[in-house]
Amino acid sequence: MSKRKKPQALTIALHEMRWLAFAAATGAFLLPMLLWISGRILLGSYENGGLIDLWLDFARELGQGGTSAWILLIAPYAFLQVGRLVWLLHQRLR
């Protein structure tokens, strides 16, 4: 039995989707947690409750189209793309 190779475009798309999923998970779970921890250290307790309450507020803001929540969600992928661009430019300018 021979395994069919995936077309290169499909392989690239799947690879990119994995990065997008990882970045979105980071923006949805890790960044709000880091925001809550740093806010707790610098500003005191979260007014609406604990970490779970912050996540619920974050999810509510996403659902309502809140700009700051969407920026937080998309930021890891944007930083990844900027890093890729810098790396590509560095490689081309060598």
Protein backbone atom coordinates (compact mmCIF):
# COMPACT_ATOMS: atom_id res chain seq x y z
CA MET A 1 0.00 0.00 0.00
CA SER A 2 1.31 3.40 -0.89
CA LYS A 3 0.44 6.50 1.02
CA ARG A 4 -0.71 9.41 -1.07
CA LYS A 5 1.25 12.56 -0.40
CA LYS A 6 -0.71 15.62 0.52
CA PRO A 7 -0.42 18.49 -1.94
CA GLN A 8 2.08 21.09 -0.73
CA ALA A 9 -0.57 23.82 -0.46
CA LEU A 10 -2.68 21.61 1.81
CA THR A 11 0.33 20.82 3.98
CA ILE A 12 1.15 24.51 4.31
CA ALA A 13 -2.48 25.35 5.11
CA LEU A 14 -2.66 22.66 7.81
CA HIS A 15 0.63 23.87 9.31
CA GLU A 16 -0.69 27.45 9.37
CA MET A 17 -3.98 26.33 10.92
CA ARG A 18 -2.05 24.63 13.73
CA TRP A 19 -0.14 27.85 14.42
CA LEU A 20 -3.40 29.83 14.35
CA ALA A 21 -5.09 27.39 16.76
CA PHE A 22 -2.10 27.50 19.13
CA ALA A 23 -1.98 31.30 19.01
CA ALA A 24 -5.74 31.62 19.53
CA ALA A 25 -5.60 29.24 22.50
CA THR A 26 -2.75 31.31 23.93
CA GLY A 27 -4.77 34.50 23.43
CA ALA A 28 -7.90 32.95 24.91
CA PHE A 29 -6.41 31.25 27.96
CA LEU A 30 -2.83 32.24 28.75
CA LEU A 31 -2.98 35.99 28.13
CA PRO A 32 -6.12 36.60 30.23
CA MET A 33 -4.52 34.57 33.03
CA LEU A 34 -1.31 36.62 32.82
CA LEU A 35 -3.38 39.79 32.70
CA TRP A 36 -5.27 38.73 35.82
CA ILE A 37 -2.05 37.82 37.69
CA SER A 38 -0.26 41.05 36.78
CA GLY A 39 -3.36 43.10 37.59
CA ARG A 40 -3.70 41.38 40.94
CA ILE A 41 -0.05 42.11 41.77
CA LEU A 42 -0.07 45.71 40.57
CA LEU A 43 -3.64 46.85 41.19
CA GLY A 44 -5.18 44.46 43.70
CA SER A 45 -8.08 42.04 43.35
CA TYR A 46 -10.27 41.92 40.26
CA GLU A 47 -13.43 43.93 40.88
CA ASN A 48 -15.79 41.33 39.35
CA GLY A 49 -14.34 38.29 41.16
CA GLY A 50 -11.55 35.84 40.39
CA LEU A 51 -9.81 34.40 37.37
CA ILE A 52 -12.86 32.47 36.15
CA ASP A 53 -14.92 35.64 36.32
CA LEU A 54 -12.30 37.44 34.24
CA TRP A 55 -12.47 34.66 31.62
CA LEU A 56 -16.25 34.86 31.57
CA ASP A 57 -16.09 38.64 31.14
CA PHE A 58 -13.50 38.15 28.39
CA ALA A 59 -15.74 35.62 26.58
CA ARG A 60 -18.71 37.97 26.93
CA GLU A 61 -16.68 40.83 25.44
CA LEU A 62 -15.61 38.60 22.54
CA GLY A 63 -19.23 37.69 21.90
CA GLN A 64 -20.25 41.34 21.95
CA GLY A 65 -17.43 42.30 19.58
CA GLY A 66 -15.34 44.18 22.14
CA THR A 67 -12.24 45.54 20.43
CA SER A 68 -9.88 45.05 23.37
CA ALA A 69 -10.94 41.40 23.79
CA TRP A 70 -10.39 40.68 20.10
CA ILE A 71 -6.99 42.37 20.19
CA LEU A 72 -6.03 40.18 23.15
CA LEU A 73 -7.20 37.06 21.30
CA ILE A 74 -5.44 37.90 18.03
CA ALA A 75 -2.23 39.41 19.50
CA PRO A 76 -0.21 36.14 19.70
CA TYR A 77 -0.86 35.36 16.02
CA ALA A 78 -0.03 38.94 15.02
CA PHE A 79 3.27 38.77 16.93
CA LEU A 80 4.01 35.43 15.26
CA GLN A 81 3.45 36.98 11.83
CA VAL A 82 5.62 40.00 12.67
CA GLY A 83 8.36 37.64 13.86
CA ARG A 84 8.13 35.67 10.63
CA LEU A 85 8.35 38.86 8.59
CA VAL A 86 11.42 40.04 10.51
CA TRP A 87 13.06 36.61 10.05
CA LEU A 88 12.27 36.63 6.32
CA LEU A 89 13.68 40.13 5.87
CA HIS A 90 16.77 39.17 7.84
CA GLN A 91 17.30 36.12 5.61
CA ARG A 92 16.89 38.14 2.43
CA LEU A 93 19.21 40.93 3.53
CA ARG A 94 22.06 38.56 4.41
